[in-house]
């Protein structure tokens, strides 16, 4: 999905940042917790942020990961008084935060900018609905397959023997994305390796039978274009 700030004209981009305050966050730092009062909307200048919910002891479900030139905090800004998820920095990040009232005033006075926000929010909702569909409808194996498909869309390189994912994938990270145990993820991944569906070199994976994943997730019936994490 195209990051929010890359959708804007230079004039609108500068307008937003001029009315925001710069803040630096360290890897692992929490920007806000679920249930905190909504005070700010955040733009990501550099870095990467994970938006997630805790679903039980040592269980987390990733809603989104957002990177450079994107933004977060929209659920609280546009739909309620409190944030409905947790925002943590995956890596050291440089953010710009804007007060809720300031953003509301800017969008009220600028219809074109408001339209870009609306499109961005709508695409985000479609992407999140597709994730929940995969995670709920197709069981644990479908949830893990969904993560691999999304990694392949973001970092995949097509080669003669399959799709090579150029970024390392940690079993623990998959577990955090879908809210199931690390042991369950390992069991599914090992089963796929035994069947020749995937292969791996350390933490780098090759998806050798992409059709298996697409059939498992009934991808031909999904109209979502932004199938990413």
Protein backbone atom coordinates (compact mmCIF):
# COMPACT_ATOMS: atom_id res chain seq x y z
CA UNK A 1 0.00 0.00 0.00
CA UNK A 2 1.36 3.42 -0.92
CA UNK A 3 2.49 5.31 2.20
CA UNK A 4 0.35 8.30 3.13
CA UNK A 5 2.99 11.02 2.75
CA UNK A 6 3.96 9.79 -0.73
CA UNK A 7 0.39 10.46 -1.90
CA UNK A 8 0.58 14.16 -1.11
CA UNK A 9 1.65 17.25 -3.01
CA UNK A 10 4.74 19.03 -1.72
CA UNK A 11 2.49 21.79 -0.40
CA UNK A 12 0.34 19.41 1.65
CA UNK A 13 3.36 17.42 2.82
CA UNK A 14 5.06 20.56 4.13
CA UNK A 15 1.81 21.79 5.70
CA UNK A 16 1.53 18.64 7.79
CA UNK A 17 5.14 18.58 8.95
CA UNK A 18 5.18 22.31 9.73
CA UNK A 19 2.30 21.73 12.15
CA UNK A 20 3.90 18.68 13.77
CA UNK A 21 6.52 18.13 16.43
CA UNK A 22 9.54 15.91 15.79
CA UNK A 23 10.16 13.01 18.16
CA UNK A 24 12.75 10.22 18.20
CA UNK A 25 11.86 6.75 19.49
CA UNK A 26 14.22 3.88 20.17
CA UNK A 27 13.82 0.27 19.04
CA UNK A 28 11.30 -1.46 21.30
CA UNK A 29 9.90 1.79 22.70
CA UNK A 30 6.12 2.09 23.05
CA UNK A 31 4.56 5.20 21.51
CA UNK A 32 1.12 4.54 22.98
CA UNK A 33 -0.81 1.70 24.61
CA UNK A 34 -4.27 0.38 23.92
CA UNK A 35 -6.73 2.41 25.96
CA UNK A 36 -4.61 5.56 26.09
CA UNK A 37 -6.45 8.77 25.31
CA UNK A 38 -6.02 9.90 21.71
CA UNK A 39 -3.83 12.98 21.65
CA UNK A 40 -1.73 12.70 18.51
CA UNK A 41 -1.54 11.41 14.96
CA UNK A 42 1.93 10.25 13.88
CA UNK A 43 3.92 10.52 10.65
CA UNK A 44 6.95 8.25 10.13
CA UNK A 45 9.92 10.14 8.68
CA UNK A 46 12.27 7.17 9.06
CA UNK A 47 11.95 3.81 10.79
CA UNK A 48 9.25 1.17 11.22
CA UNK A 49 6.33 0.90 13.65
CA UNK A 50 4.24 -2.13 14.60
CA UNK A 51 0.57 -1.73 15.54
CA UNK A 52 -0.71 -4.73 17.49
CA UNK A 53 -3.12 -6.06 20.12
CA UNK A 54 -2.37 -8.35 23.03
CA UNK A 55 -4.77 -11.29 22.89
CA UNK A 56 -3.58 -13.18 25.98
CA UNK A 57 -0.48 -13.94 28.06
CA UNK A 58 2.51 -13.82 25.68
CA UNK A 59 0.12 -13.66 22.71
CA UNK A 60 0.02 -10.76 20.26
CA UNK A 61 -1.75 -10.08 16.97
CA UNK A 62 -0.13 -7.64 14.56
CA UNK A 63 -2.63 -5.32 12.86
CA UNK A 64 -0.16 -3.39 10.69
CA UNK A 65 3.47 -2.59 10.24
CA UNK A 66 4.09 0.89 8.89
CA UNK A 67 7.33 2.29 7.51
CA UNK A 68 8.98 5.40 6.08
CA UNK A 69 6.64 8.15 4.80
CA UNK A 70 3.60 6.41 6.27
CA UNK A 71 1.52 7.26 9.33
CA UNK A 72 -0.41 5.70 12.20
CA UNK A 73 -2.89 6.50 14.94
CA UNK A 74 -5.84 6.90 12.56
CA UNK A 75 -8.19 4.54 14.42
CA UNK A 76 -8.17 6.76 17.47
CA UNK A 77 -8.15 10.02 15.56
CA UNK A 78 -11.13 9.28 13.35
CA UNK A 79 -13.21 6.85 15.36
CA UNK A 80 -12.97 7.27 19.10
CA UNK A 81 -11.44 8.84 22.17
CA UNK A 82 -8.92 6.07 22.90
CA UNK A 83 -6.35 4.14 20.89
CA UNK A 84 -7.54 0.61 20.13
CA UNK A 85 -4.09 -0.93 19.70
CA UNK A 86 -0.46 -0.65 20.83
CA UNK A 87 2.25 1.10 18.80
CA UNK A 88 5.88 -0.02 19.24
CA UNK A 89 9.01 0.92 17.33
CA UNK A 90 10.49 -2.08 15.48
CA UNK A 91 13.70 -0.11 14.86
CA UNK A 92 14.98 3.31 15.89
CA UNK A 93 12.54 5.73 14.28
CA UNK A 94 12.08 9.44 13.66
CA UNK A 95 8.47 10.53 13.90
CA UNK A 96 6.44 13.71 13.61
CA UNK A 97 3.40 13.95 15.88
CA UNK A 98 0.45 16.27 15.32
CA UNK A 99 -2.21 17.15 17.86
CA UNK A 100 -5.61 15.68 17.09
CA UNK A 101 -7.37 19.05 17.01
CA UNK A 102 -4.74 20.49 14.65
CA UNK A 103 -5.18 17.62 12.19
CA UNK A 104 -8.97 17.93 12.32
CA UNK A 105 -8.75 21.65 11.52
CA UNK A 106 -6.34 21.10 8.62
CA UNK A 107 -8.50 18.39 7.06
CA UNK A 108 -11.64 20.51 7.50
CA UNK A 109 -10.02 23.37 5.56
CA UNK A 110 -8.39 21.22 2.85
CA UNK A 111 -10.74 18.94 0.93
CA UNK A 112 -8.04 17.51 -1.35
CA UNK A 113 -5.88 16.51 1.57
CA UNK A 114 -8.91 15.04 3.34
CA UNK A 115 -9.63 12.91 0.27
CA UNK A 116 -6.12 11.44 0.35
CA UNK A 117 -6.55 10.59 4.04
CA UNK A 118 -9.91 8.96 3.30
CA UNK A 119 -8.45 6.79 0.55
CA UNK A 120 -5.53 5.78 2.74
CA UNK A 121 -7.80 4.84 5.65
CA UNK A 122 -10.13 2.89 3.35
CA UNK A 123 -7.26 0.88 1.85
CA UNK A 124 -5.92 0.18 5.33
CA UNK A 125 -9.30 -1.16 6.43
CA UNK A 126 -9.52 -3.41 3.36
CA UNK A 127 -6.03 -4.78 4.05
CA UNK A 128 -6.83 -5.45 7.70
CA UNK A 129 -10.11 -7.20 6.80
CA UNK A 130 -8.21 -9.49 4.42
CA UNK A 131 -5.75 -10.39 7.17
CA UNK A 132 -8.48 -11.22 9.65
CA UNK A 133 -10.23 -13.31 6.97
CA UNK A 134 -7.07 -15.36 6.45
CA UNK A 135 -6.36 -15.73 10.15
CA UNK A 136 -9.88 -16.76 11.14
CA UNK A 137 -11.26 -18.63 8.13
CA UNK A 138 -8.38 -20.98 7.30
CA UNK A 139 -7.05 -22.09 10.67
CA UNK A 140 -3.48 -21.98 11.93
CA UNK A 141 -2.01 -23.25 8.67
CA UNK A 142 -3.87 -20.61 6.67
CA UNK A 143 -2.72 -17.89 9.06
CA UNK A 144 0.94 -18.89 8.63
CA UNK A 145 0.47 -19.17 4.86
CA UNK A 146 -1.00 -15.67 4.82
CA UNK A 147 2.16 -14.26 6.42
CA UNK A 148 4.39 -16.01 3.88
CA UNK A 149 2.25 -14.74 0.98
CA UNK A 150 2.50 -11.20 2.32
CA UNK A 151 6.26 -11.45 2.82
CA UNK A 152 6.56 -12.69 -0.78
CA UNK A 153 4.56 -9.70 -2.06
CA UNK A 154 6.82 -7.31 -0.15
CA UNK A 155 10.23 -8.94 -0.53
CA UNK A 156 9.82 -11.78 -3.04
CA UNK A 157 12.02 -12.36 -6.09
CA UNK A 158 10.79 -14.84 -8.69
CA UNK A 159 13.36 -17.49 -9.56
CA UNK A 160 13.16 -20.70 -11.65
CA UNK A 161 12.52 -22.88 -8.58
CA UNK A 162 10.13 -20.57 -6.75
CA UNK A 163 9.81 -17.21 -5.00
CA UNK A 164 12.82 -16.25 -2.90
CA UNK A 165 12.07 -13.96 0.05
CA UNK A 166 15.01 -11.60 0.40
CA UNK A 167 14.36 -10.58 4.00
CA UNK A 168 14.92 -12.97 6.94
CA UNK A 169 11.80 -14.40 8.58
CA UNK A 170 11.83 -15.36 12.24
CA UNK A 171 9.39 -17.97 13.53
CA UNK A 172 8.82 -15.77 16.55
CA UNK A 173 7.87 -12.84 14.29
CA UNK A 174 5.29 -14.97 12.46
CA UNK A 175 3.86 -15.96 15.83
CA UNK A 176 3.51 -12.29 16.79
CA UNK A 177 1.79 -11.46 13.52
CA UNK A 178 -0.98 -14.03 13.88
CA UNK A 179 -1.32 -14.56 17.62
CA UNK A 180 -0.57 -18.29 17.75
CA UNK A 181 2.21 -20.10 19.56
CA UNK A 182 5.76 -20.33 18.27
CA UNK A 183 5.55 -24.12 18.56
CA UNK A 184 2.52 -24.27 16.27
CA UNK A 185 4.23 -22.10 13.66
CA UNK A 186 7.36 -24.30 13.79
CA UNK A 187 5.30 -27.45 13.33
CA UNK A 188 3.54 -26.03 10.25
CA UNK A 189 6.76 -24.74 8.69
CA UNK A 190 8.53 -28.06 9.25
CA UNK A 191 5.61 -29.92 7.65
CA UNK A 192 5.88 -27.71 4.57
CA UNK A 193 9.62 -28.35 4.37
CA UNK A 194 9.05 -32.11 4.51
CA UNK A 195 6.53 -31.86 1.67
CA UNK A 196 8.82 -29.69 -0.47
CA UNK A 197 6.42 -26.75 -0.36
CA UNK A 198 9.08 -24.42 1.02
CA UNK A 199 12.81 -24.51 1.61
CA UNK A 200 15.04 -22.36 3.77
CA UNK A 201 18.64 -21.33 4.15
CA UNK A 202 18.97 -20.21 7.75
CA UNK A 203 16.17 -17.59 8.02
CA UNK A 204 15.75 -16.99 4.29
CA UNK A 205 12.86 -18.85 2.68
CA UNK A 206 12.05 -20.07 -0.80
CA UNK A 207 8.37 -20.66 -1.60
CA UNK A 208 8.60 -23.55 -4.05
CA UNK A 209 4.88 -24.25 -4.48
CA UNK A 210 3.12 -20.89 -4.47
CA UNK A 211 -0.06 -22.48 -5.84
CA UNK A 212 -0.38 -24.44 -2.59
CA UNK A 213 -0.64 -21.21 -0.60
CA UNK A 214 -3.01 -19.57 -3.07
CA UNK A 215 -5.34 -22.57 -3.08
CA UNK A 216 -5.23 -22.81 0.72
CA UNK A 217 -6.25 -19.16 1.06
CA UNK A 218 -8.65 -19.13 -1.94
CA UNK A 219 -6.72 -16.15 -3.30
CA UNK A 220 -8.64 -16.07 -6.60
CA UNK A 221 -11.74 -14.94 -4.69
CA UNK A 222 -9.94 -12.09 -2.89
CA UNK A 223 -10.09 -8.65 -4.48
CA UNK A 224 -7.72 -6.92 -2.06
CA UNK A 225 -4.77 -5.35 -3.88
CA UNK A 226 -2.69 -4.43 -0.83
CA UNK A 227 -1.84 -7.92 0.36
CA UNK A 228 1.07 -6.91 2.60
CA UNK A 229 1.90 -6.91 6.29
